[in-house]
Amino acid sequence: MIRKELLSLQQHGNVDYPINEIMVTAFEEDELMEADSMIAEEAQYVGEAHKSCLGCLSSIAEDMENPVAGLQNEFEKVQNELEKVKKKAESIENRAKVRTHGYEKKAKDVLWPKIQETFKQMDLAEKELGFFQALQKQEKLAATCRINNMWEVQHQSKGATPIMIF
């Protein structure tokens, strides 16, 4: 069947694109072997697809006689397949729970409270930093005012000895 198709393609190609000169290409033995293995692999895939397609066609032919029963049959097949997948997923989930239960419990009972406490401490430290920064700003302004006041007092009492308070 494949050879017939290739022959018809070649004949069609020769009609549309005739070759004026005879072209002969020499191939090495290993190139021919590689091409042969590639053709064999492709033939295997085509054969599997053909078998699969025949199975579909036979089920379609059966379904044409009674379409409702055919659809119900397909529905049941899909439903059974979904049940198998669901059971397999539950089994995998249960195995994962068995292996990770200790870690989940430790994370829930030990680590998460520590994480929450750390976040609370970070919030408190952020507030304290804000307060200290505001206090530092006020102290700088107050220090400037005190120094200016001392200079004024010193200038008012001319002749008096300057007073330096630290």
C-alpha atoms as a PDB file:
ATOM      1  CA  MET A   1       0.000   0.000   0.000  1.00  0.00           C
ATOM      2  CA  ILE A   2       2.821   2.397   0.904  1.00  0.00           C
ATOM      3  CA  ARG A   3       4.745   1.386  -2.219  1.00  0.00           C
ATOM      4  CA  LYS A   4       1.689   2.065  -4.382  1.00  0.00           C
ATOM      5  CA  GLU A   5       1.343   5.500  -2.804  1.00  0.00           C
ATOM      6  CA  LEU A   6       5.037   6.276  -3.352  1.00  0.00           C
ATOM      7  CA  LEU A   7       4.802   5.095  -6.964  1.00  0.00           C
ATOM      8  CA  SER A   8       1.763   7.289  -7.613  1.00  0.00           C
ATOM      9  CA  LEU A   9       3.530  10.288  -6.047  1.00  0.00           C
ATOM     10  CA  GLN A  10       6.588   9.640  -8.191  1.00  0.00           C
ATOM     11  CA  GLN A  11       4.517   9.346 -11.359  1.00  0.00           C
ATOM     12  CA  HIS A  12       2.605  12.515 -10.496  1.00  0.00           C
ATOM     13  CA  GLY A  13       5.891  14.304  -9.863  1.00  0.00           C
ATOM     14  CA  ASN A  14       7.335  13.096 -13.157  1.00  0.00           C
ATOM     15  CA  VAL A  15       4.306  14.415 -15.037  1.00  0.00           C
ATOM     16  CA  ASP A  16       4.429  17.847 -13.397  1.00  0.00           C
ATOM     17  CA  TYR A  17       8.212  18.146 -13.248  1.00  0.00           C
ATOM     18  CA  PRO A  18       9.833  16.052 -15.970  1.00  0.00           C
ATOM     19  CA  ILE A  19      13.538  15.351 -15.664  1.00  0.00           C
ATOM     20  CA  ASN A  20      15.533  16.060 -18.824  1.00  0.00           C
ATOM     21  CA  GLU A  21      18.737  14.446 -17.655  1.00  0.00           C
ATOM     22  CA  ILE A  22      19.118  11.106 -15.980  1.00  0.00           C
ATOM     23  CA  MET A  23      20.526  11.720 -12.548  1.00  0.00           C
ATOM     24  CA  VAL A  24      22.267   8.877 -10.808  1.00  0.00           C
ATOM     25  CA  THR A  25      23.417   9.301  -7.251  1.00  0.00           C
ATOM     26  CA  ALA A  26      25.731   6.851  -5.598  1.00  0.00           C
ATOM     27  CA  PHE A  27      24.990   6.157  -1.956  1.00  0.00           C
ATOM     28  CA  GLU A  28      27.293   4.608   0.582  1.00  0.00           C
ATOM     29  CA  GLU A  29      26.320   1.349   2.251  1.00  0.00           C
ATOM     30  CA  ASP A  30      25.896   2.939   5.691  1.00  0.00           C
ATOM     31  CA  GLU A  31      23.601   5.620   4.233  1.00  0.00           C
ATOM     32  CA  LEU A  32      21.450   2.925   2.664  1.00  0.00           C
ATOM     33  CA  MET A  33      21.309   0.990   5.947  1.00  0.00           C
ATOM     34  CA  GLU A  34      20.318   4.127   7.854  1.00  0.00           C
ATOM     35  CA  ALA A  35      17.586   4.899   5.323  1.00  0.00           C
ATOM     36  CA  ASP A  36      16.379   1.292   5.553  1.00  0.00           C
ATOM     37  CA  SER A  37      16.128   1.497   9.353  1.00  0.00           C
ATOM     38  CA  MET A  38      14.275   4.815   9.131  1.00  0.00           C
ATOM     39  CA  ILE A  39      11.802   3.314   6.642  1.00  0.00           C
ATOM     40  CA  ALA A  40      11.306   0.263   8.906  1.00  0.00           C
ATOM     41  CA  GLU A  41      10.633   2.511  11.900  1.00  0.00           C
ATOM     42  CA  GLU A  42       8.130   4.584   9.924  1.00  0.00           C
ATOM     43  CA  ALA A  43       6.446   1.397   8.689  1.00  0.00           C
ATOM     44  CA  GLN A  44       6.085   0.259  12.296  1.00  0.00           C
ATOM     45  CA  TYR A  45       4.327   3.504  13.250  1.00  0.00           C
ATOM     46  CA  VAL A  46       2.092   3.305  10.204  1.00  0.00           C
ATOM     47  CA  GLY A  47       1.230  -0.308  11.057  1.00  0.00           C
ATOM     48  CA  GLU A  48       0.284   0.621  14.624  1.00  0.00           C
ATOM     49  CA  ALA A  49      -1.826   3.519  13.385  1.00  0.00           C
ATOM     50  CA  HIS A  50      -3.482   1.205  10.872  1.00  0.00           C
ATOM     51  CA  LYS A  51      -4.369  -1.335  13.567  1.00  0.00           C
ATOM     52  CA  SER A  52      -5.662   1.424  15.808  1.00  0.00           C
ATOM     53  CA  CYS A  53      -7.730   2.867  13.008  1.00  0.00           C
ATOM     54  CA  LEU A  54      -9.209  -0.545  12.155  1.00  0.00           C
ATOM     55  CA  GLY A  55     -10.289  -0.918  15.781  1.00  0.00           C
ATOM     56  CA  CYS A  56     -11.989   2.474  15.632  1.00  0.00           C
ATOM     57  CA  LEU A  57     -13.677   1.641  12.342  1.00  0.00           C
ATOM     58  CA  SER A  58     -15.040  -1.637  13.657  1.00  0.00           C
ATOM     59  CA  SER A  59     -16.467   0.071  16.729  1.00  0.00           C
ATOM     60  CA  ILE A  60     -17.956   2.797  14.508  1.00  0.00           C
ATOM     61  CA  ALA A  61     -19.526   0.140  12.276  1.00  0.00           C
ATOM     62  CA  GLU A  62     -21.058  -1.517  15.328  1.00  0.00           C
ATOM     63  CA  ASP A  63     -22.232   1.864  16.597  1.00  0.00           C
ATOM     64  CA  MET A  64     -23.950   2.693  13.316  1.00  0.00           C
ATOM     65  CA  GLU A  65     -26.422  -0.112  13.887  1.00  0.00           C
ATOM     66  CA  ASN A  66     -27.495   1.309  17.253  1.00  0.00           C
ATOM     67  CA  PRO A  67     -26.016   4.782  17.815  1.00  0.00           C
ATOM     68  CA  VAL A  68     -27.449   5.277  21.311  1.00  0.00           C
ATOM     69  CA  ALA A  69     -26.053   1.977  22.537  1.00  0.00           C
ATOM     70  CA  GLY A  70     -22.722   2.803  20.897  1.00  0.00           C
ATOM     71  CA  LEU A  71     -22.542   6.171  22.632  1.00  0.00           C
ATOM     72  CA  GLN A  72     -23.516   4.599  25.926  1.00  0.00           C
ATOM     73  CA  ASN A  73     -20.806   1.979  25.441  1.00  0.00           C
ATOM     74  CA  GLU A  74     -18.205   4.688  24.745  1.00  0.00           C
ATOM     75  CA  PHE A  75     -19.415   6.622  27.798  1.00  0.00           C
ATOM     76  CA  GLU A  76     -18.987   3.548  29.983  1.00  0.00           C
ATOM     77  CA  LYS A  77     -15.485   2.955  28.604  1.00  0.00           C
ATOM     78  CA  VAL A  78     -14.482   6.533  29.370  1.00  0.00           C
ATOM     79  CA  GLN A  79     -16.097   6.349  32.799  1.00  0.00           C
ATOM     80  CA  ASN A  80     -14.227   3.117  33.614  1.00  0.00           C
ATOM     81  CA  GLU A  81     -10.967   4.653  32.443  1.00  0.00           C
ATOM     82  CA  LEU A  82     -11.579   7.704  34.647  1.00  0.00           C
ATOM     83  CA  GLU A  83     -12.265   5.450  37.624  1.00  0.00           C
ATOM     84  CA  LYS A  84      -8.959   3.637  37.044  1.00  0.00           C
ATOM     85  CA  VAL A  85      -7.084   6.926  36.842  1.00  0.00           C
ATOM     86  CA  LYS A  86      -8.852   8.215  39.962  1.00  0.00           C
ATOM     87  CA  LYS A  87      -7.940   5.089  41.943  1.00  0.00           C
ATOM     88  CA  LYS A  88      -4.343   5.335  40.807  1.00  0.00           C
ATOM     89  CA  ALA A  89      -4.186   9.015  41.786  1.00  0.00           C
ATOM     90  CA  GLU A  90      -5.666   8.237  45.222  1.00  0.00           C
ATOM     91  CA  SER A  91      -3.105   5.490  45.714  1.00  0.00           C
ATOM     92  CA  ILE A  92      -0.246   7.835  44.832  1.00  0.00           C
ATOM     93  CA  GLU A  93      -1.705  10.523  47.098  1.00  0.00           C
ATOM     94  CA  ASN A  94      -1.944   8.082  50.013  1.00  0.00           C
ATOM     95  CA  ARG A  95       1.657   6.979  49.521  1.00  0.00           C
ATOM     96  CA  ALA A  96       2.761  10.611  49.444  1.00  0.00           C
ATOM     97  CA  LYS A  97       0.839  11.325  52.649  1.00  0.00           C
ATOM     98  CA  VAL A  98       2.502   8.385  54.406  1.00  0.00           C
ATOM     99  CA  ARG A  99       5.928   9.643  53.385  1.00  0.00           C
ATOM    100  CA  THR A 100       5.332  13.324  54.161  1.00  0.00           C
ATOM    101  CA  HIS A 101       3.047  13.140  57.201  1.00  0.00           C
ATOM    102  CA  GLY A 102       5.869  13.775  59.684  1.00  0.00           C
ATOM    103  CA  TYR A 103       7.046  16.818  57.742  1.00  0.00           C
ATOM    104  CA  GLU A 104       3.509  18.203  57.486  1.00  0.00           C
ATOM    105  CA  LYS A 105       2.952  17.752  61.211  1.00  0.00           C
ATOM    106  CA  LYS A 106       6.288  19.394  62.062  1.00  0.00           C
ATOM    107  CA  ALA A 107       5.524  22.308  59.740  1.00  0.00           C
ATOM    108  CA  LYS A 108       2.053  22.758  61.217  1.00  0.00           C
ATOM    109  CA  ASP A 109       2.908  22.323  64.892  1.00  0.00           C
ATOM    110  CA  VAL A 110       6.476  23.639  65.155  1.00  0.00           C
ATOM    111  CA  LEU A 111       7.592  25.702  62.208  1.00  0.00           C
ATOM    112  CA  TRP A 112       4.456  27.700  61.417  1.00  0.00           C
ATOM    113  CA  PRO A 113       4.126  29.164  64.926  1.00  0.00           C
ATOM    114  CA  LYS A 114       7.802  30.171  64.768  1.00  0.00           C
ATOM    115  CA  ILE A 115       7.233  31.828  61.407  1.00  0.00           C
ATOM    116  CA  GLN A 116       4.218  33.720  62.766  1.00  0.00           C
ATOM    117  CA  GLU A 117       6.223  34.844  65.806  1.00  0.00           C
ATOM    118  CA  THR A 118       9.034  36.025  63.537  1.00  0.00           C
ATOM    119  CA  PHE A 119       6.582  38.092  61.493  1.00  0.00           C
ATOM    120  CA  LYS A 120       5.203  39.642  64.680  1.00  0.00           C
ATOM    121  CA  GLN A 121       8.730  40.524  65.788  1.00  0.00           C
ATOM    122  CA  MET A 122       9.452  42.047  62.384  1.00  0.00           C
ATOM    123  CA  ASP A 123       6.315  44.192  62.607  1.00  0.00           C
ATOM    124  CA  LEU A 124       7.281  45.336  66.113  1.00  0.00           C
ATOM    125  CA  ALA A 125      10.847  46.102  65.011  1.00  0.00           C
ATOM    126  CA  GLU A 126       9.509  48.118  62.071  1.00  0.00           C
ATOM    127  CA  LYS A 127       7.318  50.201  64.409  1.00  0.00           C
ATOM    128  CA  GLU A 128      10.194  50.710  66.852  1.00  0.00           C
ATOM    129  CA  LEU A 129      12.452  51.827  64.014  1.00  0.00           C
ATOM    130  CA  GLY A 130       9.851  54.372  62.943  1.00  0.00           C
ATOM    131  CA  PHE A 131       9.568  55.701  66.495  1.00  0.00           C
ATOM    132  CA  PHE A 132      13.341  55.937  66.943  1.00  0.00           C
ATOM    133  CA  GLN A 133      13.739  57.707  63.611  1.00  0.00           C
ATOM    134  CA  ALA A 134      11.075  60.258  64.613  1.00  0.00           C
ATOM    135  CA  LEU A 135      12.762  60.684  68.020  1.00  0.00           C
ATOM    136  CA  GLN A 136      16.150  61.164  66.330  1.00  0.00           C
ATOM    137  CA  LYS A 137      14.681  63.844  64.080  1.00  0.00           C
ATOM    138  CA  GLN A 138      13.160  65.635  67.079  1.00  0.00           C
ATOM    139  CA  GLU A 139      16.449  65.432  69.003  1.00  0.00           C
ATOM    140  CA  LYS A 140      18.351  66.986  66.096  1.00  0.00           C
ATOM    141  CA  LEU A 141      15.863  69.852  65.921  1.00  0.00           C
ATOM    142  CA  ALA A 142      15.926  70.295  69.711  1.00  0.00           C
ATOM    143  CA  ALA A 143      19.730  70.248  69.819  1.00  0.00           C
ATOM    144  CA  THR A 144      19.853  72.971  67.177  1.00  0.00           C
ATOM    145  CA  CYS A 145      17.367  75.075  69.189  1.00  0.00           C
ATOM    146  CA  ARG A 146      19.342  74.593  72.431  1.00  0.00           C
ATOM    147  CA  ILE A 147      22.606  75.616  70.762  1.00  0.00           C
ATOM    148  CA  ASN A 148      20.952  78.710  69.282  1.00  0.00           C
ATOM    149  CA  ASN A 149      19.449  79.616  72.665  1.00  0.00           C
ATOM    150  CA  MET A 150      22.849  79.286  74.346  1.00  0.00           C
ATOM    151  CA  TRP A 151      24.426  81.571  71.760  1.00  0.00           C
ATOM    152  CA  GLU A 152      21.703  84.147  72.321  1.00  0.00           C
ATOM    153  CA  VAL A 153      22.174  84.011  76.088  1.00  0.00           C
ATOM    154  CA  GLN A 154      25.889  84.423  75.676  1.00  0.00           C
ATOM    155  CA  HIS A 155      25.522  87.390  73.324  1.00  0.00           C
ATOM    156  CA  GLN A 156      23.015  89.072  75.646  1.00  0.00           C
ATOM    157  CA  SER A 157      25.323  88.960  78.582  1.00  0.00           C
ATOM    158  CA  LYS A 158      28.215  90.744  76.943  1.00  0.00           C
ATOM    159  CA  GLY A 159      31.231  90.778  78.981  1.00  0.00           C
ATOM    160  CA  ALA A 160      30.223  87.678  80.847  1.00  0.00           C
ATOM    161  CA  THR A 161      32.297  84.561  80.478  1.00  0.00           C
ATOM    162  CA  PRO A 162      30.932  82.168  77.901  1.00  0.00           C
ATOM    163  CA  ILE A 163      29.211  79.147  79.351  1.00  0.00           C
ATOM    164  CA  MET A 164      29.598  75.836  77.554  1.00  0.00           C
ATOM    165  CA  ILE A 165      27.248  73.119  78.575  1.00  0.00           C
ATOM    166  CA  PHE A 166      27.624  69.694  77.153  1.00  0.00           C
END
